[in-house]
C-alpha atoms as a PDB file:
ATOM      1  CA  MET A   1      90.838 109.263  84.814  1.00  0.00           C
ATOM      2  CA  ARG A   2      88.537 106.315  84.550  1.00  0.00           C
ATOM      3  CA  PHE A   3      89.474 103.127  86.689  1.00  0.00           C
ATOM      4  CA  GLU A   4      87.793  99.562  87.721  1.00  0.00           C
ATOM      5  CA  PHE A   5      89.278  97.109  89.528  1.00  0.00           C
ATOM      6  CA  ASN A   6      89.446  93.733  88.555  1.00  0.00           C
ATOM      7  CA  GLY A   7      88.868  90.320  89.731  1.00  0.00           C
ATOM      8  CA  ASN A   8      88.930  91.867  93.421  1.00  0.00           C
ATOM      9  CA  ASP A   9      88.575  94.833  95.818  1.00  0.00           C
ATOM     10  CA  ALA A  10      92.807  94.483  95.388  1.00  0.00           C
ATOM     11  CA  ASN A  11      93.765  94.695  92.262  1.00  0.00           C
ATOM     12  CA  VAL A  12      92.550  98.367  90.141  1.00  0.00           C
ATOM     13  CA  SER A  13      93.821  99.798  86.863  1.00  0.00           C
ATOM     14  CA  PHE A  14      93.722 103.471  86.015  1.00  0.00           C
ATOM     15  CA  SER A  15      93.435 105.208  82.747  1.00  0.00           C
ATOM     16  CA  GLY A  16      93.421 108.830  81.559  1.00  0.00           C
ATOM     17  CA  ASP A  17      94.850 111.290  83.719  1.00  0.00           C
ATOM     18  CA  LEU A  18      95.242 111.707  87.119  1.00  0.00           C
ATOM     19  CA  THR A  19      95.670 114.757  88.805  1.00  0.00           C
ATOM     20  CA  PHE A  20      94.090 117.323  91.560  1.00  0.00           C
ATOM     21  CA  ALA A  21      90.847 116.536  89.828  1.00  0.00           C
ATOM     22  CA  ASP A  22      90.241 112.700  91.493  1.00  0.00           C
ATOM     23  CA  HIS A  23      90.458 112.926  94.636  1.00  0.00           C
ATOM     24  CA  MET A  24      87.431 113.434  96.007  1.00  0.00           C
ATOM     25  CA  MET A  25      87.573 109.439  93.684  1.00  0.00           C
ATOM     26  CA  PHE A  26      90.564 108.717  94.178  1.00  0.00           C
ATOM     27  CA  ARG A  27      89.839 108.380  98.113  1.00  0.00           C
ATOM     28  CA  GLU A  28      86.996 106.808  96.952  1.00  0.00           C
ATOM     29  CA  ILE A  29      88.970 104.174  95.993  1.00  0.00           C
ATOM     30  CA  ALA A  30      91.086 104.313  98.443  1.00  0.00           C
ATOM     31  CA  ASP A  31      88.625 102.621 100.798  1.00  0.00           C
ATOM     32  CA  ARG A  32      88.385 100.063  98.220  1.00  0.00           C
ATOM     33  CA  LEU A  33      91.366  98.700  98.261  1.00  0.00           C
ATOM     34  CA  ARG A  34      91.931  99.350 102.108  1.00  0.00           C
ATOM     35  CA  ALA A  35      88.880  97.068 102.708  1.00  0.00           C
ATOM     36  CA  SER A  36      89.995  93.997 100.720  1.00  0.00           C
ATOM     37  CA  THR A  37      91.737  91.951 102.792  1.00  0.00           C
ATOM     38  CA  ASP A  38      94.385  90.862 100.388  1.00  0.00           C
ATOM     39  CA  LYS A  39      98.652  91.483 101.246  1.00  0.00           C
ATOM     40  CA  THR A  40      98.597  92.907  98.553  1.00  0.00           C
ATOM     41  CA  ILE A  41      97.241  95.825  96.757  1.00  0.00           C
ATOM     42  CA  VAL A  42      98.185  96.283  92.913  1.00  0.00           C
ATOM     43  CA  ILE A  43      97.218  99.460  90.700  1.00  0.00           C
ATOM     44  CA  ASP A  44      98.049  99.361  87.501  1.00  0.00           C
ATOM     45  CA  VAL A  45      99.232 102.337  85.845  1.00  0.00           C
ATOM     46  CA  ALA A  46      99.482 100.696  81.789  1.00  0.00           C
ATOM     47  CA  ASN A  47      97.020 103.068  81.284  1.00  0.00           C
ATOM     48  CA  LEU A  48      97.739 106.365  82.224  1.00  0.00           C
ATOM     49  CA  ASP A  49      98.446 109.175  80.057  1.00  0.00           C
ATOM     50  CA  PHE A  50      99.249 111.384  82.379  1.00  0.00           C
ATOM     51  CA  ILE A  51     100.406 111.889  86.033  1.00  0.00           C
ATOM     52  CA  ASP A  52     101.024 115.563  87.608  1.00  0.00           C
ATOM     53  CA  SER A  53     102.034 116.275  91.551  1.00  0.00           C
ATOM     54  CA  ALA A  54      98.801 115.339  93.000  1.00  0.00           C
ATOM     55  CA  GLY A  55      98.219 112.574  91.473  1.00  0.00           C
ATOM     56  CA  LEU A  56     102.015 111.116  93.419  1.00  0.00           C
ATOM     57  CA  GLY A  57     100.919 112.763  96.057  1.00  0.00           C
ATOM     58  CA  MET A  58      97.734 110.519  95.902  1.00  0.00           C
ATOM     59  CA  LEU A  59      99.480 107.622  95.582  1.00  0.00           C
ATOM     60  CA  LEU A  60     101.994 108.315  97.957  1.00  0.00           C
ATOM     61  CA  ILE A  61      99.675 108.361 100.848  1.00  0.00           C
ATOM     62  CA  ALA A  62      97.629 105.515  98.793  1.00  0.00           C
ATOM     63  CA  ARG A  63     101.252 103.569 100.188  1.00  0.00           C
ATOM     64  CA  GLU A  64     100.840 104.720 103.809  1.00  0.00           C
ATOM     65  CA  GLU A  65      97.675 103.611 104.202  1.00  0.00           C
ATOM     66  CA  ALA A  66      98.914 100.102 102.736  1.00  0.00           C
ATOM     67  CA  ARG A  67     102.381 100.576 104.692  1.00  0.00           C
ATOM     68  CA  LYS A  68      99.472 100.964 108.298  1.00  0.00           C
ATOM     69  CA  LEU A  69      97.515  97.420 107.501  1.00  0.00           C
ATOM     70  CA  ASN A  70     100.368  95.859 107.404  1.00  0.00           C
ATOM     71  CA  ARG A  71     100.325  95.141 103.045  1.00  0.00           C
ATOM     72  CA  THR A  72     103.026  96.514 100.336  1.00  0.00           C
ATOM     73  CA  LEU A  73     101.571  98.828  97.568  1.00  0.00           C
ATOM     74  CA  VAL A  74     102.275  97.962  93.587  1.00  0.00           C
ATOM     75  CA  LEU A  75     102.573  99.986  90.720  1.00  0.00           C
ATOM     76  CA  ARG A  76     102.381  98.844  88.231  1.00  0.00           C
ATOM     77  CA  GLY A  77     103.316  98.868  83.683  1.00  0.00           C
ATOM     78  CA  ALA A  78     104.154 102.994  84.795  1.00  0.00           C
ATOM     79  CA  LYS A  79     105.578 103.805  80.943  1.00  0.00           C
ATOM     80  CA  GLY A  80     105.747 107.279  78.548  1.00  0.00           C
ATOM     81  CA  GLN A  81     104.749 110.093  81.327  1.00  0.00           C
ATOM     82  CA  VAL A  82     104.182 108.243  83.693  1.00  0.00           C
ATOM     83  CA  GLY A  83     107.291 105.967  84.089  1.00  0.00           C
ATOM     84  CA  ARG A  84     108.511 109.351  83.679  1.00  0.00           C
ATOM     85  CA  MET A  85     107.005 111.651  86.634  1.00  0.00           C
ATOM     86  CA  PHE A  86     108.006 108.370  88.716  1.00  0.00           C
ATOM     87  CA  GLY A  87     111.819 107.835  87.834  1.00  0.00           C
ATOM     88  CA  LEU A  88     112.261 111.285  88.367  1.00  0.00           C
ATOM     89  CA  THR A  89     111.226 111.036  92.572  1.00  0.00           C
ATOM     90  CA  LYS A  90     112.650 108.050  92.380  1.00  0.00           C
ATOM     91  CA  PHE A  91     109.427 106.127  93.367  1.00  0.00           C
ATOM     92  CA  ASP A  92     111.597 102.797  92.577  1.00  0.00           C
ATOM     93  CA  THR A  93     112.445 103.523  96.032  1.00  0.00           C
ATOM     94  CA  LEU A  94     109.043 104.040  97.788  1.00  0.00           C
ATOM     95  CA  PHE A  95     106.934 101.388  95.889  1.00  0.00           C
ATOM     96  CA  SER A  96     107.402  99.088  94.230  1.00  0.00           C
ATOM     97  CA  VAL A  97     106.928  99.296  90.885  1.00  0.00           C
ATOM     98  CA  GLU A  98     106.875  96.997  87.655  1.00  0.00           C
ATOM     99  CA  ALA A  99     107.583  96.116  84.093  1.00  0.00           C
END
């Protein structure tokens, strides 16, 4: 997985694959998102090609961390395999998911 923060520490874009192998890098990203003072955290997954169950779990952990801080976590741009996984797992009922 590759990532890039967009403008501030509350907006990050992912590309490539989000799998169990990325959990250490994801922890670092989550720490940076947590340090942000913005009320809304946006994770753009438009350029993410693949996500596995561990990747979904990482997003759930990020959501719980955001909730503890009274913030909203938005997932943006899911398509292809990632969009199908979000649909199968009903992520749209757990997250704010934007096109």
